[in-house]
């Protein structure tokens, strides 16, 4: 099943204003090496305490600081790139956030406008992806990193695109932990609820005029 409605609701929320975008980016940071079920606690703690949060460890702390200082400008730039239809430039822009790298920057693209995707440890197993395809060298040349961005976008698109990746991941996690999840739809809705912080169902009413399709053709 494809949970496109949930993705597009996240897209509408993320693009609405800079504060929403900041919450989405902090959500992505909160998911780094964190089991999904504990992400709400991690996100709430990071939103309340910032870098003092026990969940803002390692490069996550740098990411939180960067977002605090740059989230409004980052949101504005991201919107302009969406309007231009430049997926690779959007991914590159999100790679500026410490603690993201290709996988999580791709996840933020997925949340922001329904493109790219998150090839995390679950998807590495599902699709048998070599780890080398996911490495991004911050000290490497601009040409080298640009090529890695291109290959990562092509990899996600070749696997069906952001919507298919999201949906299969949700189904996989639900099947992996059946004691915690009824099905993939519940996992997908959980993302919407946690990302937006809006009560289930209310987000659908809030963005009732949103057209349920990706911002970009992929």
C-alpha atoms as a PDB file:
ATOM      1  CA  UNK A   1       0.000   0.000   0.000  1.00  0.00           C
ATOM      2  CA  UNK A   2       1.213   3.519  -0.776  1.00  0.00           C
ATOM      3  CA  UNK A   3       0.715   6.043   2.028  1.00  0.00           C
ATOM      4  CA  UNK A   4       0.967   9.120  -0.193  1.00  0.00           C
ATOM      5  CA  UNK A   5      -1.577  11.108   1.781  1.00  0.00           C
ATOM      6  CA  UNK A   6       0.585  10.976   4.899  1.00  0.00           C
ATOM      7  CA  UNK A   7       3.697  12.061   3.017  1.00  0.00           C
ATOM      8  CA  UNK A   8       1.932  14.981   1.365  1.00  0.00           C
ATOM      9  CA  UNK A   9       0.460  16.116   4.686  1.00  0.00           C
ATOM     10  CA  UNK A  10       3.992  16.209   6.071  1.00  0.00           C
ATOM     11  CA  UNK A  11       5.091  18.148   2.980  1.00  0.00           C
ATOM     12  CA  UNK A  12       2.330  20.731   3.450  1.00  0.00           C
ATOM     13  CA  UNK A  13       3.175  21.124   7.137  1.00  0.00           C
ATOM     14  CA  UNK A  14       6.926  21.460   6.533  1.00  0.00           C
ATOM     15  CA  UNK A  15       6.539  24.051   3.803  1.00  0.00           C
ATOM     16  CA  UNK A  16       3.960  26.184   5.627  1.00  0.00           C
ATOM     17  CA  UNK A  17       6.397  28.209   7.760  1.00  0.00           C
ATOM     18  CA  UNK A  18       9.971  28.183   9.151  1.00  0.00           C
ATOM     19  CA  UNK A  19       8.956  26.958  12.608  1.00  0.00           C
ATOM     20  CA  UNK A  20       7.253  23.899  11.136  1.00  0.00           C
ATOM     21  CA  UNK A  21      10.335  23.205   9.050  1.00  0.00           C
ATOM     22  CA  UNK A  22      12.538  23.434  12.126  1.00  0.00           C
ATOM     23  CA  UNK A  23      10.393  20.830  13.911  1.00  0.00           C
ATOM     24  CA  UNK A  24      10.613  18.520  10.880  1.00  0.00           C
ATOM     25  CA  UNK A  25      14.394  18.847  10.764  1.00  0.00           C
ATOM     26  CA  UNK A  26      14.671  18.211  14.508  1.00  0.00           C
ATOM     27  CA  UNK A  27      12.458  15.147  14.054  1.00  0.00           C
ATOM     28  CA  UNK A  28      14.912  13.809  11.480  1.00  0.00           C
ATOM     29  CA  UNK A  29      17.838  14.410  13.835  1.00  0.00           C
ATOM     30  CA  UNK A  30      15.909  12.695  16.626  1.00  0.00           C
ATOM     31  CA  UNK A  31      15.570   9.549  14.491  1.00  0.00           C
ATOM     32  CA  UNK A  32      19.354   9.107  14.147  1.00  0.00           C
ATOM     33  CA  UNK A  33      20.197   5.752  15.799  1.00  0.00           C
ATOM     34  CA  UNK A  34      16.897   5.905  17.692  1.00  0.00           C
ATOM     35  CA  UNK A  35      14.145   3.283  17.587  1.00  0.00           C
ATOM     36  CA  UNK A  36      10.987   4.778  16.102  1.00  0.00           C
ATOM     37  CA  UNK A  37       8.839   4.186  19.175  1.00  0.00           C
ATOM     38  CA  UNK A  38      11.127   6.365  21.331  1.00  0.00           C
ATOM     39  CA  UNK A  39      11.385   9.251  18.844  1.00  0.00           C
ATOM     40  CA  UNK A  40       8.458  11.250  20.342  1.00  0.00           C
ATOM     41  CA  UNK A  41      10.273  11.388  23.687  1.00  0.00           C
ATOM     42  CA  UNK A  42      13.553  12.322  21.994  1.00  0.00           C
ATOM     43  CA  UNK A  43      11.949  15.022  19.857  1.00  0.00           C
ATOM     44  CA  UNK A  44      10.054  16.567  22.782  1.00  0.00           C
ATOM     45  CA  UNK A  45      13.229  16.617  24.857  1.00  0.00           C
ATOM     46  CA  UNK A  46      15.282  18.206  22.082  1.00  0.00           C
ATOM     47  CA  UNK A  47      12.584  20.814  21.373  1.00  0.00           C
ATOM     48  CA  UNK A  48      12.438  21.747  25.060  1.00  0.00           C
ATOM     49  CA  UNK A  49      16.111  21.540  26.045  1.00  0.00           C
ATOM     50  CA  UNK A  50      18.016  22.028  22.791  1.00  0.00           C
ATOM     51  CA  UNK A  51      21.642  20.957  22.991  1.00  0.00           C
ATOM     52  CA  UNK A  52      21.206  20.216  26.714  1.00  0.00           C
ATOM     53  CA  UNK A  53      18.920  17.288  25.829  1.00  0.00           C
ATOM     54  CA  UNK A  54      20.308  13.849  26.574  1.00  0.00           C
ATOM     55  CA  UNK A  55      19.170  12.894  23.080  1.00  0.00           C
ATOM     56  CA  UNK A  56      21.289  15.621  21.409  1.00  0.00           C
ATOM     57  CA  UNK A  57      24.491  13.634  21.526  1.00  0.00           C
ATOM     58  CA  UNK A  58      27.417  13.708  19.116  1.00  0.00           C
ATOM     59  CA  UNK A  59      26.817  15.497  15.839  1.00  0.00           C
ATOM     60  CA  UNK A  60      23.116  15.850  16.696  1.00  0.00           C
ATOM     61  CA  UNK A  61      24.074  18.669  19.064  1.00  0.00           C
ATOM     62  CA  UNK A  62      25.820  20.503  16.239  1.00  0.00           C
ATOM     63  CA  UNK A  63      22.771  19.933  14.071  1.00  0.00           C
ATOM     64  CA  UNK A  64      20.462  21.440  16.696  1.00  0.00           C
ATOM     65  CA  UNK A  65      22.716  24.499  17.017  1.00  0.00           C
ATOM     66  CA  UNK A  66      22.903  24.910  13.240  1.00  0.00           C
ATOM     67  CA  UNK A  67      19.124  24.747  12.926  1.00  0.00           C
ATOM     68  CA  UNK A  68      18.595  27.238  15.751  1.00  0.00           C
ATOM     69  CA  UNK A  69      20.804  29.704  13.897  1.00  0.00           C
ATOM     70  CA  UNK A  70      19.786  28.993  10.296  1.00  0.00           C
ATOM     71  CA  UNK A  71      16.363  27.333  10.095  1.00  0.00           C
ATOM     72  CA  UNK A  72      14.482  30.307   8.632  1.00  0.00           C
ATOM     73  CA  UNK A  73      17.014  30.904   5.861  1.00  0.00           C
ATOM     74  CA  UNK A  74      17.250  27.170   5.196  1.00  0.00           C
ATOM     75  CA  UNK A  75      13.461  26.948   4.850  1.00  0.00           C
ATOM     76  CA  UNK A  76      13.367  29.875   2.412  1.00  0.00           C
ATOM     77  CA  UNK A  77      16.141  28.397   0.290  1.00  0.00           C
ATOM     78  CA  UNK A  78      14.484  24.988   0.305  1.00  0.00           C
ATOM     79  CA  UNK A  79      11.201  26.490  -0.909  1.00  0.00           C
ATOM     80  CA  UNK A  80      12.960  28.241  -3.762  1.00  0.00           C
ATOM     81  CA  UNK A  81      14.618  24.973  -4.777  1.00  0.00           C
ATOM     82  CA  UNK A  82      11.257  23.201  -4.688  1.00  0.00           C
ATOM     83  CA  UNK A  83       9.830  25.828  -7.026  1.00  0.00           C
ATOM     84  CA  UNK A  84      12.810  25.334  -9.356  1.00  0.00           C
ATOM     85  CA  UNK A  85      12.372  21.568  -9.223  1.00  0.00           C
ATOM     86  CA  UNK A  86      16.029  21.009  -8.292  1.00  0.00           C
ATOM     87  CA  UNK A  87      16.031  17.835  -6.198  1.00  0.00           C
ATOM     88  CA  UNK A  88      19.809  17.470  -6.059  1.00  0.00           C
ATOM     89  CA  UNK A  89      20.273  21.053  -4.911  1.00  0.00           C
ATOM     90  CA  UNK A  90      17.651  20.501  -2.206  1.00  0.00           C
ATOM     91  CA  UNK A  91      19.457  17.416  -0.940  1.00  0.00           C
ATOM     92  CA  UNK A  92      22.762  19.318  -1.017  1.00  0.00           C
ATOM     93  CA  UNK A  93      21.215  22.175   0.959  1.00  0.00           C
ATOM     94  CA  UNK A  94      20.001  19.826   3.675  1.00  0.00           C
ATOM     95  CA  UNK A  95      23.437  18.214   3.813  1.00  0.00           C
ATOM     96  CA  UNK A  96      24.624  21.467   5.378  1.00  0.00           C
ATOM     97  CA  UNK A  97      22.907  20.367   8.596  1.00  0.00           C
ATOM     98  CA  UNK A  98      25.447  18.561  10.823  1.00  0.00           C
ATOM     99  CA  UNK A  99      24.430  15.033  11.730  1.00  0.00           C
ATOM    100  CA  UNK A 100      22.344  14.367   8.623  1.00  0.00           C
ATOM    101  CA  UNK A 101      24.612  12.948   5.880  1.00  0.00           C
ATOM    102  CA  UNK A 102      22.992  11.519   2.730  1.00  0.00           C
ATOM    103  CA  UNK A 103      20.495   9.205   4.389  1.00  0.00           C
ATOM    104  CA  UNK A 104      18.923  11.662   6.814  1.00  0.00           C
ATOM    105  CA  UNK A 105      19.165  14.618   4.445  1.00  0.00           C
ATOM    106  CA  UNK A 106      17.281  12.411   1.999  1.00  0.00           C
ATOM    107  CA  UNK A 107      14.717  11.720   4.719  1.00  0.00           C
ATOM    108  CA  UNK A 108      14.251  15.459   5.231  1.00  0.00           C
ATOM    109  CA  UNK A 109      13.671  15.840   1.471  1.00  0.00           C
ATOM    110  CA  UNK A 110      11.044  13.102   1.756  1.00  0.00           C
ATOM    111  CA  UNK A 111       9.286  14.981   4.546  1.00  0.00           C
ATOM    112  CA  UNK A 112       9.681  18.420   2.969  1.00  0.00           C
ATOM    113  CA  UNK A 113       8.455  17.739  -0.541  1.00  0.00           C
ATOM    114  CA  UNK A 114       8.096  14.007  -1.176  1.00  0.00           C
ATOM    115  CA  UNK A 115      11.369  13.400  -3.000  1.00  0.00           C
ATOM    116  CA  UNK A 116      14.617  11.405  -2.491  1.00  0.00           C
ATOM    117  CA  UNK A 117      14.211   9.068   0.520  1.00  0.00           C
ATOM    118  CA  UNK A 118      15.886   7.478   3.526  1.00  0.00           C
ATOM    119  CA  UNK A 119      18.045   4.410   2.892  1.00  0.00           C
ATOM    120  CA  UNK A 120      18.462   3.508   6.567  1.00  0.00           C
ATOM    121  CA  UNK A 121      19.523   0.192   8.070  1.00  0.00           C
ATOM    122  CA  UNK A 122      16.111  -1.347   7.355  1.00  0.00           C
ATOM    123  CA  UNK A 123      16.188  -0.337   3.701  1.00  0.00           C
ATOM    124  CA  UNK A 124      19.802  -1.458   3.363  1.00  0.00           C
ATOM    125  CA  UNK A 125      18.590  -4.951   4.289  1.00  0.00           C
ATOM    126  CA  UNK A 126      15.419  -4.768   2.207  1.00  0.00           C
ATOM    127  CA  UNK A 127      17.190  -3.695  -0.971  1.00  0.00           C
ATOM    128  CA  UNK A 128      20.679  -5.133  -0.332  1.00  0.00           C
ATOM    129  CA  UNK A 129      22.353  -1.727  -0.704  1.00  0.00           C
ATOM    130  CA  UNK A 130      26.165  -1.519  -0.417  1.00  0.00           C
ATOM    131  CA  UNK A 131      27.226   0.874   2.333  1.00  0.00           C
ATOM    132  CA  UNK A 132      29.596   2.643  -0.043  1.00  0.00           C
ATOM    133  CA  UNK A 133      26.618   4.057  -1.915  1.00  0.00           C
ATOM    134  CA  UNK A 134      25.591   5.969   1.211  1.00  0.00           C
ATOM    135  CA  UNK A 135      28.897   7.570   2.179  1.00  0.00           C
ATOM    136  CA  UNK A 136      29.327  11.325   1.899  1.00  0.00           C
ATOM    137  CA  UNK A 137      32.705  12.922   2.556  1.00  0.00           C
ATOM    138  CA  UNK A 138      32.511  16.402   4.045  1.00  0.00           C
ATOM    139  CA  UNK A 139      36.227  16.827   3.376  1.00  0.00           C
ATOM    140  CA  UNK A 140      35.991  15.468  -0.181  1.00  0.00           C
ATOM    141  CA  UNK A 141      35.998  17.685  -3.258  1.00  0.00           C
ATOM    142  CA  UNK A 142      32.830  19.446  -4.365  1.00  0.00           C
ATOM    143  CA  UNK A 143      32.849  17.405  -7.584  1.00  0.00           C
ATOM    144  CA  UNK A 144      33.098  14.126  -5.683  1.00  0.00           C
ATOM    145  CA  UNK A 145      30.260  14.994  -3.340  1.00  0.00           C
ATOM    146  CA  UNK A 146      28.090  16.296  -6.178  1.00  0.00           C
ATOM    147  CA  UNK A 147      28.501  12.932  -7.893  1.00  0.00           C
ATOM    148  CA  UNK A 148      27.502  11.150  -4.673  1.00  0.00           C
ATOM    149  CA  UNK A 149      24.384  13.306  -4.396  1.00  0.00           C
ATOM    150  CA  UNK A 150      23.455  12.443  -7.977  1.00  0.00           C
ATOM    151  CA  UNK A 151      23.967   8.729  -7.383  1.00  0.00           C
ATOM    152  CA  UNK A 152      21.945   8.782  -4.157  1.00  0.00           C
ATOM    153  CA  UNK A 153      18.992  10.501  -5.834  1.00  0.00           C
ATOM    154  CA  UNK A 154      19.203   8.014  -8.704  1.00  0.00           C
ATOM    155  CA  UNK A 155      19.328   5.137  -6.207  1.00  0.00           C
ATOM    156  CA  UNK A 156      16.173   6.307  -4.418  1.00  0.00           C
ATOM    157  CA  UNK A 157      14.341   6.908  -7.687  1.00  0.00           C
ATOM    158  CA  UNK A 158      15.448   3.516  -8.988  1.00  0.00           C
ATOM    159  CA  UNK A 159      13.891   1.875  -5.924  1.00  0.00           C
ATOM    160  CA  UNK A 160      10.536   3.443  -6.736  1.00  0.00           C
ATOM    161  CA  UNK A 161      10.945   6.952  -5.349  1.00  0.00           C
ATOM    162  CA  UNK A 162      10.189   8.602  -2.026  1.00  0.00           C
ATOM    163  CA  UNK A 163       6.566   7.479  -1.753  1.00  0.00           C
ATOM    164  CA  UNK A 164       7.301   3.816  -2.453  1.00  0.00           C
ATOM    165  CA  UNK A 165      10.300   3.839  -0.098  1.00  0.00           C
ATOM    166  CA  UNK A 166       8.223   5.377   2.706  1.00  0.00           C
ATOM    167  CA  UNK A 167       5.385   2.911   2.269  1.00  0.00           C
ATOM    168  CA  UNK A 168       7.464  -0.240   2.079  1.00  0.00           C
ATOM    169  CA  UNK A 169       9.502   0.898   5.085  1.00  0.00           C
ATOM    170  CA  UNK A 170       6.328   1.418   7.129  1.00  0.00           C
ATOM    171  CA  UNK A 171       5.023  -2.033   6.185  1.00  0.00           C
ATOM    172  CA  UNK A 172       8.398  -3.580   7.003  1.00  0.00           C
ATOM    173  CA  UNK A 173       8.647  -1.981  10.466  1.00  0.00           C
ATOM    174  CA  UNK A 174       5.075  -3.004  11.294  1.00  0.00           C
ATOM    175  CA  UNK A 175       5.844  -6.604  10.349  1.00  0.00           C
ATOM    176  CA  UNK A 176       9.153  -6.491  12.225  1.00  0.00           C
ATOM    177  CA  UNK A 177       7.539  -5.389  15.504  1.00  0.00           C
ATOM    178  CA  UNK A 178       3.932  -6.671  15.418  1.00  0.00           C
ATOM    179  CA  UNK A 179       3.532  -6.200  19.159  1.00  0.00           C
ATOM    180  CA  UNK A 180       3.953  -2.461  18.690  1.00  0.00           C
ATOM    181  CA  UNK A 181       2.175  -1.815  15.387  1.00  0.00           C
ATOM    182  CA  UNK A 182      -1.070  -2.993  13.818  1.00  0.00           C
ATOM    183  CA  UNK A 183       0.086  -2.385  10.247  1.00  0.00           C
ATOM    184  CA  UNK A 184       2.087  -0.076   7.996  1.00  0.00           C
ATOM    185  CA  UNK A 185      -0.719   2.476   7.925  1.00  0.00           C
ATOM    186  CA  UNK A 186      -0.345   2.954  11.675  1.00  0.00           C
ATOM    187  CA  UNK A 187       3.416   3.432  11.315  1.00  0.00           C
ATOM    188  CA  UNK A 188       2.869   5.980   8.567  1.00  0.00           C
ATOM    189  CA  UNK A 189       0.234   7.890  10.567  1.00  0.00           C
ATOM    190  CA  UNK A 190       2.578   7.867  13.563  1.00  0.00           C
ATOM    191  CA  UNK A 191       5.089   9.844  11.500  1.00  0.00           C
ATOM    192  CA  UNK A 192       2.467  12.451  10.653  1.00  0.00           C
ATOM    193  CA  UNK A 193       1.377  12.788  14.280  1.00  0.00           C
ATOM    194  CA  UNK A 194       4.893  13.089  15.685  1.00  0.00           C
ATOM    195  CA  UNK A 195       6.273  15.324  12.939  1.00  0.00           C
ATOM    196  CA  UNK A 196       3.402  17.790  13.103  1.00  0.00           C
ATOM    197  CA  UNK A 197       2.549  17.514  16.775  1.00  0.00           C
ATOM    198  CA  UNK A 198      -1.082  17.811  15.681  1.00  0.00           C
ATOM    199  CA  UNK A 199      -3.799  15.472  16.890  1.00  0.00           C
ATOM    200  CA  UNK A 200      -4.619  12.602  14.529  1.00  0.00           C
ATOM    201  CA  UNK A 201      -7.257  13.670  12.033  1.00  0.00           C
ATOM    202  CA  UNK A 202      -6.879  17.406  12.697  1.00  0.00           C
ATOM    203  CA  UNK A 203      -3.929  17.654  10.311  1.00  0.00           C
ATOM    204  CA  UNK A 204      -6.122  16.323   7.489  1.00  0.00           C
ATOM    205  CA  UNK A 205      -8.697  19.036   8.150  1.00  0.00           C
ATOM    206  CA  UNK A 206      -6.013  21.716   8.406  1.00  0.00           C
ATOM    207  CA  UNK A 207      -4.620  20.877   4.968  1.00  0.00           C
ATOM    208  CA  UNK A 208      -7.860  19.702   3.359  1.00  0.00           C
ATOM    209  CA  UNK A 209      -7.099  21.576   0.128  1.00  0.00           C
ATOM    210  CA  UNK A 210      -3.734  19.887  -0.430  1.00  0.00           C
ATOM    211  CA  UNK A 211      -3.441  17.922  -3.650  1.00  0.00           C
ATOM    212  CA  UNK A 212      -2.117  14.456  -2.891  1.00  0.00           C
ATOM    213  CA  UNK A 213       0.785  14.127  -5.269  1.00  0.00           C
ATOM    214  CA  UNK A 214       4.555  14.719  -5.035  1.00  0.00           C
ATOM    215  CA  UNK A 215       5.827  18.258  -5.555  1.00  0.00           C
ATOM    216  CA  UNK A 216       8.303  16.951  -8.119  1.00  0.00           C
ATOM    217  CA  UNK A 217       7.815  14.345 -10.821  1.00  0.00           C
ATOM    218  CA  UNK A 218      10.098  11.438  -9.969  1.00  0.00           C
END
